Amino acid sequence: YFAIIPAMFAGIFPGLAVLNIMQLHSPASAILSAIIFNAI
């Protein structure tokens, strides 16, 4: 949740950036990384 939710809404709700505690590179990389981890 901490990977995808901030990635989806941080652009319009900057306050959600505090949830990006992993400091992921970008929304696209965050979402794809979560899906890859989910499979691996």
PDB file of all heavy atoms in Angstrom:
ATOM      1  N   TYR A   1       0.837  -1.201   0.000  1.00  0.00           N
ATOM      2  CA  TYR A   1       0.000   0.000   0.000  1.00  0.00           C
ATOM      3  C   TYR A   1       0.875   1.255   0.000  1.00  0.00           C
ATOM      4  O   TYR A   1       0.577   2.241  -0.665  1.00  0.00           O
ATOM      5  CB  TYR A   1      -0.901   0.050   1.245  1.00  0.00           C
ATOM      6  CG  TYR A   1      -1.819  -1.133   1.424  1.00  0.00           C
ATOM      7  CD1 TYR A   1      -2.345  -1.430   2.681  1.00  0.00           C
ATOM      8  CD2 TYR A   1      -2.166  -1.953   0.363  1.00  0.00           C
ATOM      9  CE1 TYR A   1      -3.184  -2.508   2.874  1.00  0.00           C
ATOM     10  CE2 TYR A   1      -3.001  -3.039   0.540  1.00  0.00           C
ATOM     11  CZ  TYR A   1      -3.507  -3.318   1.809  1.00  0.00           C
ATOM     12  OH  TYR A   1      -4.339  -4.388   1.994  1.00  0.00           O
ATOM     13  N   PHE A   2       1.988   1.179   0.784  1.00  0.00           N
ATOM     14  CA  PHE A   2       2.869   2.338   0.890  1.00  0.00           C
ATOM     15  C   PHE A   2       3.617   2.596  -0.412  1.00  0.00           C
ATOM     16  O   PHE A   2       4.160   3.674  -0.606  1.00  0.00           O
ATOM     17  CB  PHE A   2       3.874   2.130   2.027  1.00  0.00           C
ATOM     18  CG  PHE A   2       3.302   2.321   3.392  1.00  0.00           C
ATOM     19  CD1 PHE A   2       2.748   1.263   4.089  1.00  0.00           C
ATOM     20  CD2 PHE A   2       3.302   3.576   3.987  1.00  0.00           C
ATOM     21  CE1 PHE A   2       2.208   1.441   5.348  1.00  0.00           C
ATOM     22  CE2 PHE A   2       2.767   3.767   5.253  1.00  0.00           C
ATOM     23  CZ  PHE A   2       2.214   2.698   5.938  1.00  0.00           C
ATOM     24  N   ALA A   3       3.656   1.600  -1.297  1.00  0.00           N
ATOM     25  CA  ALA A   3       4.316   1.789  -2.580  1.00  0.00           C
ATOM     26  C   ALA A   3       3.361   2.361  -3.623  1.00  0.00           C
ATOM     27  O   ALA A   3       3.703   3.288  -4.360  1.00  0.00           O
ATOM     28  CB  ALA A   3       4.894   0.464  -3.073  1.00  0.00           C
ATOM     29  N   ILE A   4       2.122   1.852  -3.671  1.00  0.00           N
ATOM     30  CA  ILE A   4       1.227   2.195  -4.774  1.00  0.00           C
ATOM     31  C   ILE A   4       0.355   3.412  -4.474  1.00  0.00           C
ATOM     32  O   ILE A   4       0.184   4.292  -5.333  1.00  0.00           O
ATOM     33  CB  ILE A   4       0.358   0.977  -5.142  1.00  0.00           C
ATOM     34  CG1 ILE A   4       1.252  -0.096  -5.773  1.00  0.00           C
ATOM     35  CG2 ILE A   4      -0.739   1.361  -6.106  1.00  0.00           C
ATOM     36  CD1 ILE A   4       0.531  -1.291  -6.297  1.00  0.00           C
ATOM     37  N   ILE A   5      -0.236   3.494  -3.284  1.00  0.00           N
ATOM     38  CA  ILE A   5      -1.151   4.602  -2.981  1.00  0.00           C
ATOM     39  C   ILE A   5      -0.459   5.959  -3.125  1.00  0.00           C
ATOM     40  O   ILE A   5      -0.982   6.859  -3.805  1.00  0.00           O
ATOM     41  CB  ILE A   5      -1.764   4.438  -1.580  1.00  0.00           C
ATOM     42  CG1 ILE A   5      -2.588   3.147  -1.499  1.00  0.00           C
ATOM     43  CG2 ILE A   5      -2.629   5.645  -1.218  1.00  0.00           C
ATOM     44  CD1 ILE A   5      -3.778   3.100  -2.421  1.00  0.00           C
ATOM     45  N   PRO A   6       0.722   6.160  -2.522  1.00  0.00           N
ATOM     46  CA  PRO A   6       1.385   7.460  -2.745  1.00  0.00           C
ATOM     47  C   PRO A   6       1.710   7.699  -4.214  1.00  0.00           C
ATOM     48  O   PRO A   6       1.632   8.828  -4.698  1.00  0.00           O
ATOM     49  CB  PRO A   6       2.669   7.347  -1.909  1.00  0.00           C
ATOM     50  CG  PRO A   6       2.378   6.308  -0.891  1.00  0.00           C
ATOM     51  CD  PRO A   6       1.484   5.327  -1.575  1.00  0.00           C
ATOM     52  N   ALA A   7       2.077   6.601  -4.931  1.00  0.00           N
ATOM     53  CA  ALA A   7       2.419   6.771  -6.339  1.00  0.00           C
ATOM     54  C   ALA A   7       1.219   7.226  -7.155  1.00  0.00           C
ATOM     55  O   ALA A   7       1.353   7.991  -8.113  1.00  0.00           O
ATOM     56  CB  ALA A   7       2.954   5.448  -6.893  1.00  0.00           C
ATOM     57  N   MET A   8       0.033   6.790  -6.775  1.00  0.00           N
ATOM     58  CA  MET A   8      -1.173   7.143  -7.527  1.00  0.00           C
ATOM     59  C   MET A   8      -1.610   8.583  -7.271  1.00  0.00           C
ATOM     60  O   MET A   8      -2.058   9.282  -8.183  1.00  0.00           O
ATOM     61  CB  MET A   8      -2.318   6.195  -7.162  1.00  0.00           C
ATOM     62  CG  MET A   8      -2.186   4.801  -7.736  1.00  0.00           C
ATOM     63  SD  MET A   8      -3.637   3.795  -7.327  1.00  0.00           S
ATOM     64  CE  MET A   8      -4.939   4.705  -8.149  1.00  0.00           C
ATOM     65  N   PHE A   9      -1.484   9.053  -6.034  1.00  0.00           N
ATOM     66  CA  PHE A   9      -2.124  10.317  -5.676  1.00  0.00           C
ATOM     67  C   PHE A   9      -1.174  11.412  -5.204  1.00  0.00           C
ATOM     68  O   PHE A   9      -1.610  12.530  -4.932  1.00  0.00           O
ATOM     69  CB  PHE A   9      -3.162  10.071  -4.577  1.00  0.00           C
ATOM     70  CG  PHE A   9      -4.310   9.209  -5.032  1.00  0.00           C
ATOM     71  CD1 PHE A   9      -4.412   7.898  -4.603  1.00  0.00           C
ATOM     72  CD2 PHE A   9      -5.272   9.712  -5.890  1.00  0.00           C
ATOM     73  CE1 PHE A   9      -5.460   7.095  -5.021  1.00  0.00           C
ATOM     74  CE2 PHE A   9      -6.320   8.917  -6.313  1.00  0.00           C
ATOM     75  CZ  PHE A   9      -6.422   7.603  -5.879  1.00  0.00           C
ATOM     76  N   ALA A  10       0.121  11.087  -5.083  1.00  0.00           N
ATOM     77  CA  ALA A  10       1.037  12.116  -4.559  1.00  0.00           C
ATOM     78  C   ALA A  10       1.103  13.332  -5.466  1.00  0.00           C
ATOM     79  O   ALA A  10       1.345  14.454  -5.006  1.00  0.00           O
ATOM     80  CB  ALA A  10       2.433  11.533  -4.359  1.00  0.00           C
ATOM     81  N   GLY A  11       0.880  13.115  -6.797  1.00  0.00           N
ATOM     82  CA  GLY A  11       0.944  14.243  -7.721  1.00  0.00           C
ATOM     83  C   GLY A  11      -0.125  15.277  -7.467  1.00  0.00           C
ATOM     84  O   GLY A  11       0.104  16.480  -7.628  1.00  0.00           O
ATOM     85  N   ILE A  12      -1.311  14.858  -7.068  1.00  0.00           N
ATOM     86  CA  ILE A  12      -2.410  15.789  -6.828  1.00  0.00           C
ATOM     87  C   ILE A  12      -2.555  16.122  -5.351  1.00  0.00           C
ATOM     88  O   ILE A  12      -3.042  17.183  -4.978  1.00  0.00           O
ATOM     89  CB  ILE A  12      -3.734  15.207  -7.379  1.00  0.00           C
ATOM     90  CG1 ILE A  12      -4.833  16.273  -7.328  1.00  0.00           C
ATOM     91  CG2 ILE A  12      -4.141  13.956  -6.621  1.00  0.00           C
ATOM     92  CD1 ILE A  12      -4.581  17.451  -8.208  1.00  0.00           C
ATOM     93  N   PHE A  13      -2.112  15.178  -4.497  1.00  0.00           N
ATOM     94  CA  PHE A  13      -2.150  15.417  -3.053  1.00  0.00           C
ATOM     95  C   PHE A  13      -0.718  15.329  -2.516  1.00  0.00           C
ATOM     96  O   PHE A  13      -0.276  14.274  -2.065  1.00  0.00           O
ATOM     97  CB  PHE A  13      -3.027  14.388  -2.337  1.00  0.00           C
ATOM     98  CG  PHE A  13      -4.467  14.412  -2.777  1.00  0.00           C
ATOM     99  CD1 PHE A  13      -5.034  13.315  -3.414  1.00  0.00           C
ATOM    100  CD2 PHE A  13      -5.260  15.538  -2.546  1.00  0.00           C
ATOM    101  CE1 PHE A  13      -6.356  13.340  -3.814  1.00  0.00           C
ATOM    102  CE2 PHE A  13      -6.593  15.562  -2.954  1.00  0.00           C
ATOM    103  CZ  PHE A  13      -7.140  14.470  -3.589  1.00  0.00           C
ATOM    104  N   PRO A  14       0.018  16.420  -2.578  1.00  0.00           N
ATOM    105  CA  PRO A  14       1.434  16.381  -2.170  1.00  0.00           C
ATOM    106  C   PRO A  14       1.643  15.873  -0.750  1.00  0.00           C
ATOM    107  O   PRO A  14       2.698  15.330  -0.433  1.00  0.00           O
ATOM    108  CB  PRO A  14       1.870  17.847  -2.308  1.00  0.00           C
ATOM    109  CG  PRO A  14       0.921  18.428  -3.305  1.00  0.00           C
ATOM    110  CD  PRO A  14      -0.407  17.744  -3.070  1.00  0.00           C
ATOM    111  N   GLY A  15       0.611  16.042   0.090  1.00  0.00           N
ATOM    112  CA  GLY A  15       0.757  15.579   1.467  1.00  0.00           C
ATOM    113  C   GLY A  15       0.981  14.082   1.573  1.00  0.00           C
ATOM    114  O   GLY A  15       1.525  13.587   2.573  1.00  0.00           O
ATOM    115  N   LEU A  16       0.559  13.333   0.534  1.00  0.00           N
ATOM    116  CA  LEU A  16       0.751  11.874   0.561  1.00  0.00           C
ATOM    117  C   LEU A  16       2.213  11.481   0.381  1.00  0.00           C
ATOM    118  O   LEU A  16       2.573  10.319   0.562  1.00  0.00           O
ATOM    119  CB  LEU A  16      -0.093  11.205  -0.531  1.00  0.00           C
ATOM    120  CG  LEU A  16      -1.611  11.181  -0.308  1.00  0.00           C
ATOM    121  CD1 LEU A  16      -2.310  10.578  -1.512  1.00  0.00           C
ATOM    122  CD2 LEU A  16      -1.956  10.395   0.949  1.00  0.00           C
ATOM    123  N   ALA A  17       3.039  12.454   0.024  1.00  0.00           N
ATOM    124  CA  ALA A  17       4.456  12.139  -0.179  1.00  0.00           C
ATOM    125  C   ALA A  17       5.118  11.618   1.087  1.00  0.00           C
ATOM    126  O   ALA A  17       6.099  10.871   1.025  1.00  0.00           O
ATOM    127  CB  ALA A  17       5.193  13.375  -0.685  1.00  0.00           C
ATOM    128  N   VAL A  18       4.562  11.999   2.244  1.00  0.00           N
ATOM    129  CA  VAL A  18       5.155  11.508   3.499  1.00  0.00           C
ATOM    130  C   VAL A  18       4.998  10.000   3.641  1.00  0.00           C
ATOM    131  O   VAL A  18       5.714   9.358   4.418  1.00  0.00           O
ATOM    132  CB  VAL A  18       4.535  12.225   4.718  1.00  0.00           C
ATOM    133  CG1 VAL A  18       4.813  13.718   4.667  1.00  0.00           C
ATOM    134  CG2 VAL A  18       3.032  11.963   4.803  1.00  0.00           C
ATOM    135  N   LEU A  19       4.018   9.435   2.912  1.00  0.00           N
ATOM    136  CA  LEU A  19       3.832   7.983   2.961  1.00  0.00           C
ATOM    137  C   LEU A  19       4.843   7.244   2.088  1.00  0.00           C
ATOM    138  O   LEU A  19       4.965   6.028   2.175  1.00  0.00           O
ATOM    139  CB  LEU A  19       2.409   7.615   2.525  1.00  0.00           C
ATOM    140  CG  LEU A  19       1.270   8.114   3.412  1.00  0.00           C
ATOM    141  CD1 LEU A  19      -0.071   7.707   2.825  1.00  0.00           C
ATOM    142  CD2 LEU A  19       1.411   7.580   4.828  1.00  0.00           C
ATOM    143  N   ASN A  20       5.512   7.998   1.232  1.00  0.00           N
ATOM    144  CA  ASN A  20       6.508   7.374   0.357  1.00  0.00           C
ATOM    145  C   ASN A  20       7.802   7.174   1.146  1.00  0.00           C
ATOM    146  O   ASN A  20       8.858   7.717   0.819  1.00  0.00           O
ATOM    147  CB  ASN A  20       6.742   8.248  -0.877  1.00  0.00           C
ATOM    148  CG  ASN A  20       7.663   7.569  -1.898  1.00  0.00           C
ATOM    149  OD1 ASN A  20       7.862   6.358  -1.857  1.00  0.00           O
ATOM    150  ND2 ASN A  20       8.225   8.366  -2.794  1.00  0.00           N
ATOM    151  N   ILE A  21       7.690   6.381   2.226  1.00  0.00           N
ATOM    152  CA  ILE A  21       8.823   6.223   3.140  1.00  0.00           C
ATOM    153  C   ILE A  21       9.966   5.432   2.510  1.00  0.00           C
ATOM    154  O   ILE A  21      11.088   5.457   3.007  1.00  0.00           O
ATOM    155  CB  ILE A  21       8.375   5.547   4.448  1.00  0.00           C
ATOM    156  CG1 ILE A  21       7.743   4.185   4.163  1.00  0.00           C
ATOM    157  CG2 ILE A  21       7.427   6.432   5.223  1.00  0.00           C
ATOM    158  CD1 ILE A  21       7.317   3.443   5.419  1.00  0.00           C
ATOM    159  N   MET A  22       9.681   4.716   1.410  1.00  0.00           N
ATOM    160  CA  MET A  22      10.746   3.980   0.733  1.00  0.00           C
ATOM    161  C   MET A  22      11.515   4.863  -0.236  1.00  0.00           C
ATOM    162  O   MET A  22      12.520   4.433  -0.794  1.00  0.00           O
ATOM    163  CB  MET A  22      10.156   2.778  -0.016  1.00  0.00           C
ATOM    164  CG  MET A  22       9.712   1.647   0.885  1.00  0.00           C
ATOM    165  SD  MET A  22       9.061   0.229  -0.031  1.00  0.00           S
ATOM    166  CE  MET A  22       7.358   0.713  -0.257  1.00  0.00           C
ATOM    167  N   GLN A  23      11.008   6.105  -0.435  1.00  0.00           N
ATOM    168  CA  GLN A  23      11.655   7.043  -1.353  1.00  0.00           C
ATOM    169  C   GLN A  23      11.847   6.405  -2.728  1.00  0.00           C
ATOM    170  O   GLN A  23      12.941   6.385  -3.297  1.00  0.00           O
ATOM    171  CB  GLN A  23      13.004   7.509  -0.793  1.00  0.00           C
ATOM    172  CG  GLN A  23      12.907   8.323   0.494  1.00  0.00           C
ATOM    173  CD  GLN A  23      12.131   9.625   0.295  1.00  0.00           C
ATOM    174  OE1 GLN A  23      12.469  10.441  -0.560  1.00  0.00           O
ATOM    175  NE2 GLN A  23      11.068   9.799   1.086  1.00  0.00           N
ATOM    176  N   LEU A  24      10.742   5.890  -3.257  1.00  0.00           N
ATOM    177  CA  LEU A  24      10.779   5.235  -4.561  1.00  0.00           C
ATOM    178  C   LEU A  24      10.988   6.280  -5.649  1.00  0.00           C
ATOM    179  O   LEU A  24      10.593   7.443  -5.523  1.00  0.00           O
ATOM    180  CB  LEU A  24       9.506   4.437  -4.788  1.00  0.00           C
ATOM    181  CG  LEU A  24       9.259   3.337  -3.738  1.00  0.00           C
ATOM    182  CD1 LEU A  24       7.940   2.622  -4.007  1.00  0.00           C
ATOM    183  CD2 LEU A  24      10.402   2.336  -3.698  1.00  0.00           C
ATOM    184  N   HIS A  25      11.597   5.852  -6.760  1.00  0.00           N
ATOM    185  CA  HIS A  25      12.090   6.781  -7.780  1.00  0.00           C
ATOM    186  C   HIS A  25      10.986   7.582  -8.451  1.00  0.00           C
ATOM    187  O   HIS A  25      11.096   8.800  -8.632  1.00  0.00           O
ATOM    188  CB  HIS A  25      12.887   5.991  -8.825  1.00  0.00           C
ATOM    189  CG  HIS A  25      13.496   6.837  -9.892  1.00  0.00           C
ATOM    190  ND1 HIS A  25      12.909   7.030 -11.127  1.00  0.00           N
ATOM    191  CD2 HIS A  25      14.656   7.565  -9.905  1.00  0.00           C
ATOM    192  CE1 HIS A  25      13.668   7.820 -11.856  1.00  0.00           C
ATOM    193  NE2 HIS A  25      14.740   8.157 -11.139  1.00  0.00           N
ATOM    194  N   SER A  26       9.901   6.894  -8.849  1.00  0.00           N
ATOM    195  CA  SER A  26       8.804   7.567  -9.545  1.00  0.00           C
ATOM    196  C   SER A  26       7.538   6.748  -9.372  1.00  0.00           C
ATOM    197  O   SER A  26       7.599   5.578  -8.979  1.00  0.00           O
ATOM    198  CB  SER A  26       9.131   7.716 -11.034  1.00  0.00           C
ATOM    199  OG  SER A  26       9.123   6.429 -11.661  1.00  0.00           O
ATOM    200  N   PRO A  27       6.365   7.346  -9.636  1.00  0.00           N
ATOM    201  CA  PRO A  27       5.119   6.562  -9.544  1.00  0.00           C
ATOM    202  C   PRO A  27       5.152   5.310 -10.409  1.00  0.00           C
ATOM    203  O   PRO A  27       4.731   4.242  -9.980  1.00  0.00           O
ATOM    204  CB  PRO A  27       4.054   7.547 -10.007  1.00  0.00           C
ATOM    205  CG  PRO A  27       4.613   8.882  -9.669  1.00  0.00           C
ATOM    206  CD  PRO A  27       6.086   8.771  -9.896  1.00  0.00           C
ATOM    207  N   ALA A  28       5.673   5.434 -11.637  1.00  0.00           N
ATOM    208  CA  ALA A  28       5.697   4.273 -12.533  1.00  0.00           C
ATOM    209  C   ALA A  28       6.609   3.184 -11.995  1.00  0.00           C
ATOM    210  O   ALA A  28       6.260   1.991 -12.004  1.00  0.00           O
ATOM    211  CB  ALA A  28       6.143   4.707 -13.931  1.00  0.00           C
ATOM    212  N   SER A  29       7.802   3.554 -11.516  1.00  0.00           N
ATOM    213  CA  SER A  29       8.723   2.536 -10.995  1.00  0.00           C
ATOM    214  C   SER A  29       8.188   1.932  -9.703  1.00  0.00           C
ATOM    215  O   SER A  29       8.397   0.736  -9.425  1.00  0.00           O
ATOM    216  CB  SER A  29      10.111   3.144 -10.767  1.00  0.00           C
ATOM    217  OG  SER A  29      10.091   4.061  -9.680  1.00  0.00           O
ATOM    218  N   ALA A  30       7.471   2.732  -8.893  1.00  0.00           N
ATOM    219  CA  ALA A  30       6.898   2.211  -7.647  1.00  0.00           C
ATOM    220  C   ALA A  30       5.860   1.134  -7.933  1.00  0.00           C
ATOM    221  O   ALA A  30       5.853   0.064  -7.304  1.00  0.00           O
ATOM    222  CB  ALA A  30       6.267   3.354  -6.856  1.00  0.00           C
ATOM    223  N   ILE A  31       4.983   1.419  -8.892  1.00  0.00           N
ATOM    224  CA  ILE A  31       3.914   0.462  -9.211  1.00  0.00           C
ATOM    225  C   ILE A  31       4.498  -0.808  -9.816  1.00  0.00           C
ATOM    226  O   ILE A  31       4.147  -1.933  -9.422  1.00  0.00           O
ATOM    227  CB  ILE A  31       2.896   1.114 -10.162  1.00  0.00           C
ATOM    228  CG1 ILE A  31       2.173   2.255  -9.429  1.00  0.00           C
ATOM    229  CG2 ILE A  31       1.888   0.087 -10.667  1.00  0.00           C
ATOM    230  CD1 ILE A  31       1.359   3.149 -10.344  1.00  0.00           C
ATOM    231  N   LEU A  32       5.410  -0.645 -10.777  1.00  0.00           N
ATOM    232  CA  LEU A  32       6.002  -1.827 -11.412  1.00  0.00           C
ATOM    233  C   LEU A  32       6.822  -2.630 -10.410  1.00  0.00           C
ATOM    234  O   LEU A  32       6.786  -3.872 -10.409  1.00  0.00           O
ATOM    235  CB  LEU A  32       6.868  -1.405 -12.596  1.00  0.00           C
ATOM    236  CG  LEU A  32       7.469  -2.554 -13.418  1.00  0.00           C
ATOM    237  CD1 LEU A  32       6.366  -3.437 -13.990  1.00  0.00           C
ATOM    238  CD2 LEU A  32       8.361  -2.020 -14.536  1.00  0.00           C
ATOM    239  N   SER A  33       7.550  -1.958  -9.518  1.00  0.00           N
ATOM    240  CA  SER A  33       8.356  -2.663  -8.514  1.00  0.00           C
ATOM    241  C   SER A  33       7.471  -3.483  -7.579  1.00  0.00           C
ATOM    242  O   SER A  33       7.827  -4.606  -7.195  1.00  0.00           O
ATOM    243  CB  SER A  33       9.180  -1.657  -7.709  1.00  0.00           C
ATOM    244  OG  SER A  33      10.090  -0.972  -8.539  1.00  0.00           O
ATOM    245  N   ALA A  34       6.313  -2.922  -7.201  1.00  0.00           N
ATOM    246  CA  ALA A  34       5.391  -3.656  -6.331  1.00  0.00           C
ATOM    247  C   ALA A  34       4.852  -4.898  -7.025  1.00  0.00           C
ATOM    248  O   ALA A  34       4.731  -5.972  -6.412  1.00  0.00           O
ATOM    249  CB  ALA A  34       4.249  -2.748  -5.907  1.00  0.00           C
ATOM    250  N   ILE A  35       4.533  -4.780  -8.307  1.00  0.00           N
ATOM    251  CA  ILE A  35       4.023  -5.934  -9.067  1.00  0.00           C
ATOM    252  C   ILE A  35       5.112  -6.999  -9.214  1.00  0.00           C
ATOM    253  O   ILE A  35       4.854  -8.204  -9.081  1.00  0.00           O
ATOM    254  CB  ILE A  35       3.520  -5.470 -10.455  1.00  0.00           C
ATOM    255  CG1 ILE A  35       2.162  -4.784 -10.307  1.00  0.00           C
ATOM    256  CG2 ILE A  35       3.392  -6.643 -11.413  1.00  0.00           C
ATOM    257  CD1 ILE A  35       1.046  -5.706  -9.855  1.00  0.00           C
ATOM    258  N   ILE A  36       6.348  -6.569  -9.494  1.00  0.00           N
ATOM    259  CA  ILE A  36       7.449  -7.539  -9.636  1.00  0.00           C
ATOM    260  C   ILE A  36       7.682  -8.269  -8.319  1.00  0.00           C
ATOM    261  O   ILE A  36       7.836  -9.498  -8.288  1.00  0.00           O
ATOM    262  CB  ILE A  36       8.736  -6.822 -10.108  1.00  0.00           C
ATOM    263  CG1 ILE A  36       8.551  -6.292 -11.528  1.00  0.00           C
ATOM    264  CG2 ILE A  36       9.932  -7.768 -10.037  1.00  0.00           C
ATOM    265  CD1 ILE A  36       9.705  -5.438 -12.025  1.00  0.00           C
ATOM    266  N   PHE A  37       7.721  -7.507  -7.214  1.00  0.00           N
ATOM    267  CA  PHE A  37       7.907  -8.151  -5.909  1.00  0.00           C
ATOM    268  C   PHE A  37       6.775  -9.134  -5.629  1.00  0.00           C
ATOM    269  O   PHE A  37       7.001 -10.229  -5.107  1.00  0.00           O
ATOM    270  CB  PHE A  37       7.952  -7.095  -4.803  1.00  0.00           C
ATOM    271  CG  PHE A  37       8.019  -7.691  -3.421  1.00  0.00           C
ATOM    272  CD1 PHE A  37       9.227  -8.087  -2.882  1.00  0.00           C
ATOM    273  CD2 PHE A  37       6.865  -7.884  -2.664  1.00  0.00           C
ATOM    274  CE1 PHE A  37       9.294  -8.656  -1.618  1.00  0.00           C
ATOM    275  CE2 PHE A  37       6.921  -8.452  -1.400  1.00  0.00           C
ATOM    276  CZ  PHE A  37       8.141  -8.839  -0.881  1.00  0.00           C
ATOM    277  N   ASN A  38       5.551  -8.761  -5.987  1.00  0.00           N
ATOM    278  CA  ASN A  38       4.380  -9.608  -5.753  1.00  0.00           C
ATOM    279  C   ASN A  38       4.526 -10.954  -6.444  1.00  0.00           C
ATOM    280  O   ASN A  38       4.071 -11.984  -5.928  1.00  0.00           O
ATOM    281  CB  ASN A  38       3.127  -8.886  -6.260  1.00  0.00           C
ATOM    282  CG  ASN A  38       1.851  -9.468  -5.699  1.00  0.00           C
ATOM    283  OD1 ASN A  38       1.614  -9.442  -4.497  1.00  0.00           O
ATOM    284  ND2 ASN A  38       1.021 -10.027  -6.576  1.00  0.00           N
ATOM    285  N   ALA A  39       5.181 -10.957  -7.615  1.00  0.00           N
ATOM    286  CA  ALA A  39       5.381 -12.211  -8.346  1.00  0.00           C
ATOM    287  C   ALA A  39       6.566 -12.993  -7.793  1.00  0.00           C
ATOM    288  O   ALA A  39       6.492 -14.212  -7.586  1.00  0.00           O
ATOM    289  CB  ALA A  39       5.585 -11.917  -9.832  1.00  0.00           C
ATOM    290  N   ILE A  40       7.667 -12.284  -7.542  1.00  0.00           N
ATOM    291  CA  ILE A  40       8.893 -12.970  -7.120  1.00  0.00           C
ATOM    292  C   ILE A  40       8.735 -13.622  -5.752  1.00  0.00           C
ATOM    293  O   ILE A  40       9.279 -14.707  -5.505  1.00  0.00           O
ATOM    294  CB  ILE A  40      10.081 -11.974  -7.122  1.00  0.00           C
ATOM    295  CG1 ILE A  40      10.422 -11.592  -8.553  1.00  0.00           C
ATOM    296  CG2 ILE A  40      11.290 -12.568  -6.423  1.00  0.00           C
ATOM    297  CD1 ILE A  40      11.515 -10.545  -8.666  1.00  0.00           C
TER     298      ILE A  40
END
